[in-house]
Amino acid sequence: MGLTYNVYLTSNKIFGCKSCQTHLADYNDIISRSFRGQHGKAYLFNSVVNITQSDPVERSMTTGRHIVRDISCRQCKETVGWKYDKAYEGSEKYKEGKFILEEELLCQVT
């Protein structure tokens, strides 16, 4: 396995890890702002960068049962959200393969 390098985003507004400011997502890539996490407001993204994923676990959430993976900042290992692997409810299938980042765990990087 080779070295892994951080991806640096070049947008006007970038979300980074609150602990170490590592780039995580482009503000313009937000799919939805109407999500809630353990720490309050959260955002749904198609893709994020510079993260590691935990093993999948089944969780009962407000919107039903899902198989999810916690995602952490690759640099400092702080948990920043989760990834949806599987949704059991038909109306929730659109979340599969997408990522949640919790606002409280993010900072704006310039």
PDB file of N, CA and C in Angstrom:
ATOM      1  N   MET A   1       0.845  -1.170   0.000  1.00  0.00           N
ATOM      2  CA  MET A   1       0.000   0.000   0.000  1.00  0.00           C
ATOM      3  C   MET A   1       0.895   1.239   0.000  1.00  0.00           C
ATOM      4  N   GLY A   2       0.640   2.188  -0.856  1.00  0.00           N
ATOM      5  CA  GLY A   2       1.478   3.365  -0.963  1.00  0.00           C
ATOM      6  C   GLY A   2       1.053   4.469  -0.014  1.00  0.00           C
ATOM      7  N   LEU A   3       1.737   5.568  -0.125  1.00  0.00           N
ATOM      8  CA  LEU A   3       1.385   6.745   0.655  1.00  0.00           C
ATOM      9  C   LEU A   3       0.070   7.323   0.164  1.00  0.00           C
ATOM     10  N   THR A   4      -0.697   7.875   1.079  1.00  0.00           N
ATOM     11  CA  THR A   4      -1.923   8.572   0.685  1.00  0.00           C
ATOM     12  C   THR A   4      -1.720  10.057   0.905  1.00  0.00           C
ATOM     13  N   TYR A   5      -2.147  10.829  -0.059  1.00  0.00           N
ATOM     14  CA  TYR A   5      -2.014  12.280   0.010  1.00  0.00           C
ATOM     15  C   TYR A   5      -3.381  12.903   0.161  1.00  0.00           C
ATOM     16  N   ASN A   6      -3.453  13.997   0.896  1.00  0.00           N
ATOM     17  CA  ASN A   6      -4.714  14.711   1.044  1.00  0.00           C
ATOM     18  C   ASN A   6      -5.091  15.389  -0.257  1.00  0.00           C
ATOM     19  N   VAL A   7      -6.393  15.433  -0.510  1.00  0.00           N
ATOM     20  CA  VAL A   7      -6.941  16.154  -1.646  1.00  0.00           C
ATOM     21  C   VAL A   7      -7.214  17.579  -1.172  1.00  0.00           C
ATOM     22  N   TYR A   8      -6.813  18.563  -1.974  1.00  0.00           N
ATOM     23  CA  TYR A   8      -7.069  19.958  -1.643  1.00  0.00           C
ATOM     24  C   TYR A   8      -8.105  20.499  -2.610  1.00  0.00           C
ATOM     25  N   LEU A   9      -9.217  20.978  -2.073  1.00  0.00           N
ATOM     26  CA  LEU A   9     -10.303  21.503  -2.887  1.00  0.00           C
ATOM     27  C   LEU A   9     -10.028  22.977  -3.201  1.00  0.00           C
ATOM     28  N   THR A  10     -10.581  23.461  -4.320  1.00  0.00           N
ATOM     29  CA  THR A  10     -10.276  24.822  -4.766  1.00  0.00           C
ATOM     30  C   THR A  10     -11.522  25.686  -4.920  1.00  0.00           C
ATOM     31  N   SER A  11     -12.534  25.429  -4.159  1.00  0.00           N
ATOM     32  CA  SER A  11     -13.773  26.192  -4.226  1.00  0.00           C
ATOM     33  C   SER A  11     -13.676  27.451  -3.359  1.00  0.00           C
ATOM     34  N   ASN A  12     -14.652  28.342  -3.514  1.00  0.00           N
ATOM     35  CA  ASN A  12     -14.699  29.551  -2.678  1.00  0.00           C
ATOM     36  C   ASN A  12     -15.061  29.238  -1.233  1.00  0.00           C
ATOM     37  N   LYS A  13     -15.883  28.195  -1.025  1.00  0.00           N
ATOM     38  CA  LYS A  13     -16.310  27.821   0.327  1.00  0.00           C
ATOM     39  C   LYS A  13     -16.095  26.322   0.506  1.00  0.00           C
ATOM     40  N   ILE A  14     -15.208  25.975   1.419  1.00  0.00           N
ATOM     41  CA  ILE A  14     -14.829  24.579   1.642  1.00  0.00           C
ATOM     42  C   ILE A  14     -15.081  24.227   3.102  1.00  0.00           C
ATOM     43  N   PHE A  15     -15.689  23.055   3.315  1.00  0.00           N
ATOM     44  CA  PHE A  15     -15.840  22.536   4.669  1.00  0.00           C
ATOM     45  C   PHE A  15     -14.602  21.719   5.003  1.00  0.00           C
ATOM     46  N   GLY A  16     -14.076  21.957   6.215  1.00  0.00           N
ATOM     47  CA  GLY A  16     -12.936  21.203   6.697  1.00  0.00           C
ATOM     48  C   GLY A  16     -13.236  20.615   8.060  1.00  0.00           C
ATOM     49  N   CYS A  17     -12.355  19.751   8.500  1.00  0.00           N
ATOM     50  CA  CYS A  17     -12.456  19.162   9.834  1.00  0.00           C
ATOM     51  C   CYS A  17     -12.236  20.259  10.870  1.00  0.00           C
ATOM     52  N   LYS A  18     -13.113  20.338  11.851  1.00  0.00           N
ATOM     53  CA  LYS A  18     -13.011  21.377  12.894  1.00  0.00           C
ATOM     54  C   LYS A  18     -11.718  21.222  13.698  1.00  0.00           C
ATOM     55  N   SER A  19     -11.243  19.996  13.852  1.00  0.00           N
ATOM     56  CA  SER A  19     -10.046  19.758  14.669  1.00  0.00           C
ATOM     57  C   SER A  19      -8.748  20.131  13.968  1.00  0.00           C
ATOM     58  N   CYS A  20      -8.649  19.855  12.639  1.00  0.00           N
ATOM     59  CA  CYS A  20      -7.353  20.047  11.975  1.00  0.00           C
ATOM     60  C   CYS A  20      -7.439  20.804  10.644  1.00  0.00           C
ATOM     61  N   GLN A  21      -8.630  21.228  10.241  1.00  0.00           N
ATOM     62  CA  GLN A  21      -8.864  22.007   9.015  1.00  0.00           C
ATOM     63  C   GLN A  21      -8.577  21.251   7.712  1.00  0.00           C
ATOM     64  N   THR A  22      -8.440  19.938   7.761  1.00  0.00           N
ATOM     65  CA  THR A  22      -8.270  19.155   6.533  1.00  0.00           C
ATOM     66  C   THR A  22      -9.520  19.298   5.674  1.00  0.00           C
ATOM     67  N   HIS A  23      -9.343  19.536   4.384  1.00  0.00           N
ATOM     68  CA  HIS A  23     -10.472  19.680   3.460  1.00  0.00           C
ATOM     69  C   HIS A  23     -11.318  18.407   3.432  1.00  0.00           C
ATOM     70  N   LEU A  24     -12.650  18.585   3.503  1.00  0.00           N
ATOM     71  CA  LEU A  24     -13.571  17.443   3.460  1.00  0.00           C
ATOM     72  C   LEU A  24     -14.574  17.541   2.322  1.00  0.00           C
ATOM     73  N   ALA A  25     -15.118  18.733   2.057  1.00  0.00           N
ATOM     74  CA  ALA A  25     -16.169  18.840   1.043  1.00  0.00           C
ATOM     75  C   ALA A  25     -16.312  20.269   0.531  1.00  0.00           C
ATOM     76  N   ASP A  26     -16.803  20.364  -0.699  1.00  0.00           N
ATOM     77  CA  ASP A  26     -17.111  21.651  -1.332  1.00  0.00           C
ATOM     78  C   ASP A  26     -18.537  22.029  -0.951  1.00  0.00           C
ATOM     79  N   TYR A  27     -18.724  23.229  -0.447  1.00  0.00           N
ATOM     80  CA  TYR A  27     -20.055  23.715  -0.046  1.00  0.00           C
ATOM     81  C   TYR A  27     -21.061  23.590  -1.187  1.00  0.00           C
ATOM     82  N   ASN A  28     -20.622  23.814  -2.413  1.00  0.00           N
ATOM     83  CA  ASN A  28     -21.517  23.751  -3.579  1.00  0.00           C
ATOM     84  C   ASN A  28     -21.983  22.339  -3.902  1.00  0.00           C
ATOM     85  N   ASP A  29     -21.399  21.327  -3.276  1.00  0.00           N
ATOM     86  CA  ASP A  29     -21.780  19.937  -3.523  1.00  0.00           C
ATOM     87  C   ASP A  29     -22.849  19.424  -2.555  1.00  0.00           C
ATOM     88  N   ILE A  30     -23.380  20.292  -1.698  1.00  0.00           N
ATOM     89  CA  ILE A  30     -24.430  19.872  -0.765  1.00  0.00           C
ATOM     90  C   ILE A  30     -25.673  19.473  -1.558  1.00  0.00           C
ATOM     91  N   ILE A  31     -26.195  18.281  -1.279  1.00  0.00           N
ATOM     92  CA  ILE A  31     -27.440  17.811  -1.891  1.00  0.00           C
ATOM     93  C   ILE A  31     -28.629  18.290  -1.072  1.00  0.00           C
ATOM     94  N   SER A  32     -28.498  18.199   0.277  1.00  0.00           N
ATOM     95  CA  SER A  32     -29.587  18.595   1.161  1.00  0.00           C
ATOM     96  C   SER A  32     -29.031  19.165   2.456  1.00  0.00           C
ATOM     97  N   ARG A  33     -29.701  20.201   2.952  1.00  0.00           N
ATOM     98  CA  ARG A  33     -29.339  20.822   4.227  1.00  0.00           C
ATOM     99  C   ARG A  33     -30.318  20.450   5.326  1.00  0.00           C
ATOM    100  N   SER A  34     -31.242  19.551   5.062  1.00  0.00           N
ATOM    101  CA  SER A  34     -32.320  19.255   6.011  1.00  0.00           C
ATOM    102  C   SER A  34     -32.105  17.938   6.760  1.00  0.00           C
ATOM    103  N   PHE A  35     -30.878  17.691   7.197  1.00  0.00           N
ATOM    104  CA  PHE A  35     -30.568  16.490   7.958  1.00  0.00           C
ATOM    105  C   PHE A  35     -30.161  16.868   9.365  1.00  0.00           C
ATOM    106  N   ARG A  36     -30.311  15.902  10.277  1.00  0.00           N
ATOM    107  CA  ARG A  36     -29.907  16.077  11.669  1.00  0.00           C
ATOM    108  C   ARG A  36     -28.954  14.945  12.037  1.00  0.00           C
ATOM    109  N   GLY A  37     -27.935  15.290  12.796  1.00  0.00           N
ATOM    110  CA  GLY A  37     -26.999  14.302  13.315  1.00  0.00           C
ATOM    111  C   GLY A  37     -27.044  14.301  14.826  1.00  0.00           C
ATOM    112  N   GLN A  38     -26.103  13.644  15.430  1.00  0.00           N
ATOM    113  CA  GLN A  38     -26.026  13.599  16.891  1.00  0.00           C
ATOM    114  C   GLN A  38     -25.785  14.985  17.478  1.00  0.00           C
ATOM    115  N   HIS A  39     -25.120  15.853  16.715  1.00  0.00           N
ATOM    116  CA  HIS A  39     -24.732  17.177  17.210  1.00  0.00           C
ATOM    117  C   HIS A  39     -25.577  18.299  16.610  1.00  0.00           C
ATOM    118  N   GLY A  40     -26.682  17.956  15.975  1.00  0.00           N
ATOM    119  CA  GLY A  40     -27.542  18.987  15.391  1.00  0.00           C
ATOM    120  C   GLY A  40     -27.559  18.931  13.878  1.00  0.00           C
ATOM    121  N   LYS A  41     -27.522  20.101  13.257  1.00  0.00           N
ATOM    122  CA  LYS A  41     -27.651  20.243  11.810  1.00  0.00           C
ATOM    123  C   LYS A  41     -26.575  19.450  11.068  1.00  0.00           C
ATOM    124  N   ALA A  42     -26.972  18.844   9.934  1.00  0.00           N
ATOM    125  CA  ALA A  42     -26.037  18.058   9.125  1.00  0.00           C
ATOM    126  C   ALA A  42     -26.375  18.229   7.649  1.00  0.00           C
ATOM    127  N   TYR A  43     -25.404  17.913   6.789  1.00  0.00           N
ATOM    128  CA  TYR A  43     -25.564  18.082   5.342  1.00  0.00           C
ATOM    129  C   TYR A  43     -25.341  16.754   4.622  1.00  0.00           C
ATOM    130  N   LEU A  44     -26.100  16.538   3.543  1.00  0.00           N
ATOM    131  CA  LEU A  44     -25.953  15.342   2.711  1.00  0.00           C
ATOM    132  C   LEU A  44     -25.123  15.696   1.478  1.00  0.00           C
ATOM    133  N   PHE A  45     -24.093  14.895   1.204  1.00  0.00           N
ATOM    134  CA  PHE A  45     -23.188  15.096   0.065  1.00  0.00           C
ATOM    135  C   PHE A  45     -23.116  13.831  -0.787  1.00  0.00           C
ATOM    136  N   ASN A  46     -22.864  14.011  -2.090  1.00  0.00           N
ATOM    137  CA  ASN A  46     -22.571  12.883  -2.974  1.00  0.00           C
ATOM    138  C   ASN A  46     -21.181  12.342  -2.712  1.00  0.00           C
ATOM    139  N   SER A  47     -20.246  13.249  -2.441  1.00  0.00           N
ATOM    140  CA  SER A  47     -18.872  12.811  -2.219  1.00  0.00           C
ATOM    141  C   SER A  47     -18.177  13.720  -1.220  1.00  0.00           C
ATOM    142  N   VAL A  48     -17.230  13.141  -0.510  1.00  0.00           N
ATOM    143  CA  VAL A  48     -16.355  13.862   0.406  1.00  0.00           C
ATOM    144  C   VAL A  48     -14.946  13.337   0.178  1.00  0.00           C
ATOM    145  N   VAL A  49     -13.948  14.068   0.654  1.00  0.00           N
ATOM    146  CA  VAL A  49     -12.552  13.676   0.457  1.00  0.00           C
ATOM    147  C   VAL A  49     -11.848  13.589   1.805  1.00  0.00           C
ATOM    148  N   ASN A  50     -10.706  12.940   1.795  1.00  0.00           N
ATOM    149  CA  ASN A  50      -9.821  12.877   2.965  1.00  0.00           C
ATOM    150  C   ASN A  50     -10.485  12.255   4.190  1.00  0.00           C
ATOM    151  N   ILE A  51     -11.213  11.165   3.965  1.00  0.00           N
ATOM    152  CA  ILE A  51     -11.874  10.474   5.074  1.00  0.00           C
ATOM    153  C   ILE A  51     -11.481   9.001   5.089  1.00  0.00           C
ATOM    154  N   THR A  52     -11.690   8.375   6.229  1.00  0.00           N
ATOM    155  CA  THR A  52     -11.626   6.916   6.339  1.00  0.00           C
ATOM    156  C   THR A  52     -13.001   6.448   6.791  1.00  0.00           C
ATOM    157  N   GLN A  53     -13.325   5.200   6.469  1.00  0.00           N
ATOM    158  CA  GLN A  53     -14.639   4.652   6.793  1.00  0.00           C
ATOM    159  C   GLN A  53     -14.498   3.471   7.746  1.00  0.00           C
ATOM    160  N   SER A  54     -15.419   3.394   8.712  1.00  0.00           N
ATOM    161  CA  SER A  54     -15.428   2.260   9.643  1.00  0.00           C
ATOM    162  C   SER A  54     -16.132   1.075   8.972  1.00  0.00           C
ATOM    163  N   ASP A  55     -16.202  -0.030   9.670  1.00  0.00           N
ATOM    164  CA  ASP A  55     -16.959  -1.181   9.185  1.00  0.00           C
ATOM    165  C   ASP A  55     -18.449  -0.844   9.214  1.00  0.00           C
ATOM    166  N   PRO A  56     -19.233  -1.466   8.327  1.00  0.00           N
ATOM    167  CA  PRO A  56     -20.672  -1.183   8.304  1.00  0.00           C
ATOM    168  C   PRO A  56     -21.382  -1.730   9.544  1.00  0.00           C
ATOM    169  N   VAL A  57     -22.369  -0.966  10.023  1.00  0.00           N
ATOM    170  CA  VAL A  57     -23.213  -1.376  11.140  1.00  0.00           C
ATOM    171  C   VAL A  57     -24.658  -1.019  10.816  1.00  0.00           C
ATOM    172  N   GLU A  58     -25.584  -1.779  11.373  1.00  0.00           N
ATOM    173  CA  GLU A  58     -26.998  -1.472  11.194  1.00  0.00           C
ATOM    174  C   GLU A  58     -27.447  -0.550  12.314  1.00  0.00           C
ATOM    175  N   ARG A  59     -28.140   0.544  11.950  1.00  0.00           N
ATOM    176  CA  ARG A  59     -28.635   1.502  12.942  1.00  0.00           C
ATOM    177  C   ARG A  59     -30.082   1.840  12.662  1.00  0.00           C
ATOM    178  N   SER A  60     -30.826   1.989  13.731  1.00  0.00           N
ATOM    179  CA  SER A  60     -32.185   2.517  13.616  1.00  0.00           C
ATOM    180  C   SER A  60     -32.073   4.031  13.760  1.00  0.00           C
ATOM    181  N   MET A  61     -32.545   4.727  12.741  1.00  0.00           N
ATOM    182  CA  MET A  61     -32.476   6.186  12.729  1.00  0.00           C
ATOM    183  C   MET A  61     -33.894   6.732  12.647  1.00  0.00           C
ATOM    184  N   THR A  62     -34.019   8.030  12.711  1.00  0.00           N
ATOM    185  CA  THR A  62     -35.327   8.680  12.657  1.00  0.00           C
ATOM    186  C   THR A  62     -36.115   8.256  11.422  1.00  0.00           C
ATOM    187  N   THR A  63     -35.410   8.054  10.318  1.00  0.00           N
ATOM    188  CA  THR A  63     -36.072   7.721   9.046  1.00  0.00           C
ATOM    189  C   THR A  63     -36.126   6.221   8.758  1.00  0.00           C
ATOM    190  N   GLY A  64     -35.777   5.393   9.728  1.00  0.00           N
ATOM    191  CA  GLY A  64     -35.850   3.941   9.551  1.00  0.00           C
ATOM    192  C   GLY A  64     -34.504   3.278   9.771  1.00  0.00           C
ATOM    193  N   ARG A  65     -34.456   1.980   9.409  1.00  0.00           N
ATOM    194  CA  ARG A  65     -33.237   1.188   9.575  1.00  0.00           C
ATOM    195  C   ARG A  65     -32.307   1.408   8.385  1.00  0.00           C
ATOM    196  N   HIS A  66     -31.024   1.556   8.682  1.00  0.00           N
ATOM    197  CA  HIS A  66     -30.016   1.760   7.644  1.00  0.00           C
ATOM    198  C   HIS A  66     -28.754   0.992   8.009  1.00  0.00           C
ATOM    199  N   ILE A  67     -27.977   0.637   7.009  1.00  0.00           N
ATOM    200  CA  ILE A  67     -26.619   0.162   7.241  1.00  0.00           C
ATOM    201  C   ILE A  67     -25.715   1.342   6.912  1.00  0.00           C
ATOM    202  N   VAL A  68     -24.908   1.756   7.896  1.00  0.00           N
ATOM    203  CA  VAL A  68     -24.077   2.947   7.762  1.00  0.00           C
ATOM    204  C   VAL A  68     -22.646   2.653   8.198  1.00  0.00           C
ATOM    205  N   ARG A  69     -21.743   3.531   7.795  1.00  0.00           N
ATOM    206  CA  ARG A  69     -20.344   3.491   8.234  1.00  0.00           C
ATOM    207  C   ARG A  69     -19.998   4.871   8.784  1.00  0.00           C
ATOM    208  N   ASP A  70     -19.422   4.928   9.959  1.00  0.00           N
ATOM    209  CA  ASP A  70     -18.935   6.209  10.460  1.00  0.00           C
ATOM    210  C   ASP A  70     -17.769   6.640   9.577  1.00  0.00           C
ATOM    211  N   ILE A  71     -17.668   7.941   9.330  1.00  0.00           N
ATOM    212  CA  ILE A  71     -16.539   8.466   8.570  1.00  0.00           C
ATOM    213  C   ILE A  71     -15.742   9.402   9.465  1.00  0.00           C
ATOM    214  N   SER A  72     -14.425   9.319   9.323  1.00  0.00           N
ATOM    215  CA  SER A  72     -13.510  10.108  10.140  1.00  0.00           C
ATOM    216  C   SER A  72     -12.544  10.862   9.253  1.00  0.00           C
ATOM    217  N   CYS A  73     -12.056  11.966   9.757  1.00  0.00           N
ATOM    218  CA  CYS A  73     -11.016  12.732   9.079  1.00  0.00           C
ATOM    219  C   CYS A  73      -9.773  11.855   8.967  1.00  0.00           C
ATOM    220  N   ARG A  74      -9.222  11.759   7.777  1.00  0.00           N
ATOM    221  CA  ARG A  74      -8.038  10.924   7.564  1.00  0.00           C
ATOM    222  C   ARG A  74      -6.825  11.475   8.310  1.00  0.00           C
ATOM    223  N   GLN A  75      -6.781  12.788   8.520  1.00  0.00           N
ATOM    224  CA  GLN A  75      -5.617  13.423   9.134  1.00  0.00           C
ATOM    225  C   GLN A  75      -5.586  13.230  10.656  1.00  0.00           C
ATOM    226  N   CYS A  76      -6.689  13.582  11.340  1.00  0.00           N
ATOM    227  CA  CYS A  76      -6.674  13.570  12.813  1.00  0.00           C
ATOM    228  C   CYS A  76      -7.546  12.467  13.427  1.00  0.00           C
ATOM    229  N   LYS A  77      -8.271  11.729  12.585  1.00  0.00           N
ATOM    230  CA  LYS A  77      -9.091  10.575  13.014  1.00  0.00           C
ATOM    231  C   LYS A  77     -10.368  10.951  13.752  1.00  0.00           C
ATOM    232  N   GLU A  78     -10.737  12.226  13.783  1.00  0.00           N
ATOM    233  CA  GLU A  78     -11.992  12.644  14.428  1.00  0.00           C
ATOM    234  C   GLU A  78     -13.179  12.227  13.560  1.00  0.00           C
ATOM    235  N   THR A  79     -14.234  11.709  14.182  1.00  0.00           N
ATOM    236  CA  THR A  79     -15.453  11.368  13.462  1.00  0.00           C
ATOM    237  C   THR A  79     -16.131  12.653  13.002  1.00  0.00           C
ATOM    238  N   VAL A  80     -16.531  12.690  11.717  1.00  0.00           N
ATOM    239  CA  VAL A  80     -17.156  13.894  11.159  1.00  0.00           C
ATOM    240  C   VAL A  80     -18.557  13.621  10.601  1.00  0.00           C
ATOM    241  N   GLY A  81     -18.962  12.351  10.561  1.00  0.00           N
ATOM    242  CA  GLY A  81     -20.285  12.016  10.032  1.00  0.00           C
ATOM    243  C   GLY A  81     -20.407  10.530   9.728  1.00  0.00           C
ATOM    244  N   TRP A  82     -21.196  10.202   8.705  1.00  0.00           N
ATOM    245  CA  TRP A  82     -21.375   8.804   8.322  1.00  0.00           C
ATOM    246  C   TRP A  82     -21.729   8.683   6.852  1.00  0.00           C
ATOM    247  N   LYS A  83     -21.611   7.455   6.351  1.00  0.00           N
ATOM    248  CA  LYS A  83     -21.969   7.130   4.968  1.00  0.00           C
ATOM    249  C   LYS A  83     -23.105   6.122   5.007  1.00  0.00           C
ATOM    250  N   TYR A  84     -24.101   6.322   4.145  1.00  0.00           N
ATOM    251  CA  TYR A  84     -25.199   5.364   4.019  1.00  0.00           C
ATOM    252  C   TYR A  84     -24.796   4.265   3.038  1.00  0.00           C
ATOM    253  N   ASP A  85     -24.763   3.022   3.492  1.00  0.00           N
ATOM    254  CA  ASP A  85     -24.515   1.889   2.598  1.00  0.00           C
ATOM    255  C   ASP A  85     -25.827   1.319   2.065  1.00  0.00           C
ATOM    256  N   LYS A  86     -26.824   1.192   2.950  1.00  0.00           N
ATOM    257  CA  LYS A  86     -28.092   0.585   2.553  1.00  0.00           C
ATOM    258  C   LYS A  86     -29.236   1.184   3.351  1.00  0.00           C
ATOM    259  N   ALA A  87     -30.339   1.418   2.660  1.00  0.00           N
ATOM    260  CA  ALA A  87     -31.578   1.859   3.312  1.00  0.00           C
ATOM    261  C   ALA A  87     -32.623   0.785   3.067  1.00  0.00           C
ATOM    262  N   TYR A  88     -33.343   0.403   4.097  1.00  0.00           N
ATOM    263  CA  TYR A  88     -34.352  -0.647   3.956  1.00  0.00           C
ATOM    264  C   TYR A  88     -35.677  -0.100   3.432  1.00  0.00           C
ATOM    265  N   GLU A  89     -35.982   1.151   3.747  1.00  0.00           N
ATOM    266  CA  GLU A  89     -37.222   1.776   3.284  1.00  0.00           C
ATOM    267  C   GLU A  89     -37.038   2.245   1.844  1.00  0.00           C
ATOM    268  N   GLY A  90     -38.008   1.966   1.004  1.00  0.00           N
ATOM    269  CA  GLY A  90     -37.934   2.371  -0.391  1.00  0.00           C
ATOM    270  C   GLY A  90     -37.759   3.864  -0.579  1.00  0.00           C
ATOM    271  N   SER A  91     -38.419   4.642   0.255  1.00  0.00           N
ATOM    272  CA  SER A  91     -38.352   6.101   0.123  1.00  0.00           C
ATOM    273  C   SER A  91     -37.004   6.669   0.562  1.00  0.00           C
ATOM    274  N   GLU A  92     -36.163   5.860   1.185  1.00  0.00           N
ATOM    275  CA  GLU A  92     -34.866   6.321   1.680  1.00  0.00           C
ATOM    276  C   GLU A  92     -33.706   5.837   0.818  1.00  0.00           C
ATOM    277  N   LYS A  93     -33.978   5.098  -0.248  1.00  0.00           N
ATOM    278  CA  LYS A  93     -32.936   4.519  -1.111  1.00  0.00           C
ATOM    279  C   LYS A  93     -32.028   5.575  -1.726  1.00  0.00           C
ATOM    280  N   TYR A  94     -32.520   6.799  -1.909  1.00  0.00           N
ATOM    281  CA  TYR A  94     -31.711   7.856  -2.520  1.00  0.00           C
ATOM    282  C   TYR A  94     -30.469   8.191  -1.696  1.00  0.00           C
ATOM    283  N   LYS A  95     -30.450   7.795  -0.416  1.00  0.00           N
ATOM    284  CA  LYS A  95     -29.313   8.087   0.464  1.00  0.00           C
ATOM    285  C   LYS A  95     -28.151   7.113   0.267  1.00  0.00           C
ATOM    286  N   GLU A  96     -28.413   5.980  -0.337  1.00  0.00           N
ATOM    287  CA  GLU A  96     -27.378   4.950  -0.464  1.00  0.00           C
ATOM    288  C   GLU A  96     -26.152   5.481  -1.217  1.00  0.00           C
ATOM    289  N   GLY A  97     -24.985   5.263  -0.624  1.00  0.00           N
ATOM    290  CA  GLY A  97     -23.737   5.714  -1.222  1.00  0.00           C
ATOM    291  C   GLY A  97     -23.416   7.176  -0.969  1.00  0.00           C
ATOM    292  N   LYS A  98     -24.262   7.863  -0.210  1.00  0.00           N
ATOM    293  CA  LYS A  98     -24.050   9.288   0.056  1.00  0.00           C
ATOM    294  C   LYS A  98     -23.533   9.488   1.487  1.00  0.00           C
ATOM    295  N   PHE A  99     -23.059  10.703   1.755  1.00  0.00           N
ATOM    296  CA  PHE A  99     -22.370  11.009   3.000  1.00  0.00           C
ATOM    297  C   PHE A  99     -23.073  12.116   3.775  1.00  0.00           C
ATOM    298  N   ILE A 100     -23.045  11.990   5.088  1.00  0.00           N
ATOM    299  CA  ILE A 100     -23.525  13.038   5.993  1.00  0.00           C
ATOM    300  C   ILE A 100     -22.320  13.621   6.717  1.00  0.00           C
ATOM    301  N   LEU A 101     -22.218  14.952   6.687  1.00  0.00           N
ATOM    302  CA  LEU A 101     -21.236  15.663   7.510  1.00  0.00           C
ATOM    303  C   LEU A 101     -22.008  16.526   8.496  1.00  0.00           C
ATOM    304  N   GLU A 102     -21.630  16.449   9.768  1.00  0.00           N
ATOM    305  CA  GLU A 102     -22.316  17.214  10.805  1.00  0.00           C
ATOM    306  C   GLU A 102     -21.688  18.606  10.940  1.00  0.00           C
ATOM    307  N   GLU A 103     -22.544  19.624  10.871  1.00  0.00           N
ATOM    308  CA  GLU A 103     -22.087  21.006  10.888  1.00  0.00           C
ATOM    309  C   GLU A 103     -21.206  21.316  12.102  1.00  0.00           C
ATOM    310  N   GLU A 104     -21.565  20.815  13.262  1.00  0.00           N
ATOM    311  CA  GLU A 104     -20.824  21.100  14.503  1.00  0.00           C
ATOM    312  C   GLU A 104     -19.386  20.573  14.444  1.00  0.00           C
ATOM    313  N   LEU A 105     -19.128  19.596  13.590  1.00  0.00           N
ATOM    314  CA  LEU A 105     -17.798  18.995  13.507  1.00  0.00           C
ATOM    315  C   LEU A 105     -16.970  19.565  12.367  1.00  0.00           C
ATOM    316  N   LEU A 106     -17.499  20.615  11.710  1.00  0.00           N
ATOM    317  CA  LEU A 106     -16.858  21.212  10.538  1.00  0.00           C
ATOM    318  C   LEU A 106     -16.425  22.647  10.821  1.00  0.00           C
ATOM    319  N   CYS A 107     -15.532  23.134   9.971  1.00  0.00           N
ATOM    320  CA  CYS A 107     -15.183  24.545   9.964  1.00  0.00           C
ATOM    321  C   CYS A 107     -15.096  24.981   8.508  1.00  0.00           C
ATOM    322  N   GLN A 108     -15.152  26.281   8.283  1.00  0.00           N
ATOM    323  CA  GLN A 108     -14.969  26.781   6.919  1.00  0.00           C
ATOM    324  C   GLN A 108     -13.481  27.046   6.720  1.00  0.00           C
ATOM    325  N   VAL A 109     -12.935  26.468   5.647  1.00  0.00           N
ATOM    326  CA  VAL A 109     -11.511  26.610   5.334  1.00  0.00           C
ATOM    327  C   VAL A 109     -11.378  27.640   4.215  1.00  0.00           C
ATOM    328  N   THR A 110     -10.434  28.539   4.352  1.00  0.00           N
ATOM    329  CA  THR A 110     -10.232  29.546   3.307  1.00  0.00           C
ATOM    330  C   THR A 110      -9.014  29.254   2.465  1.00  0.00           C
TER     331      THR A 110
END
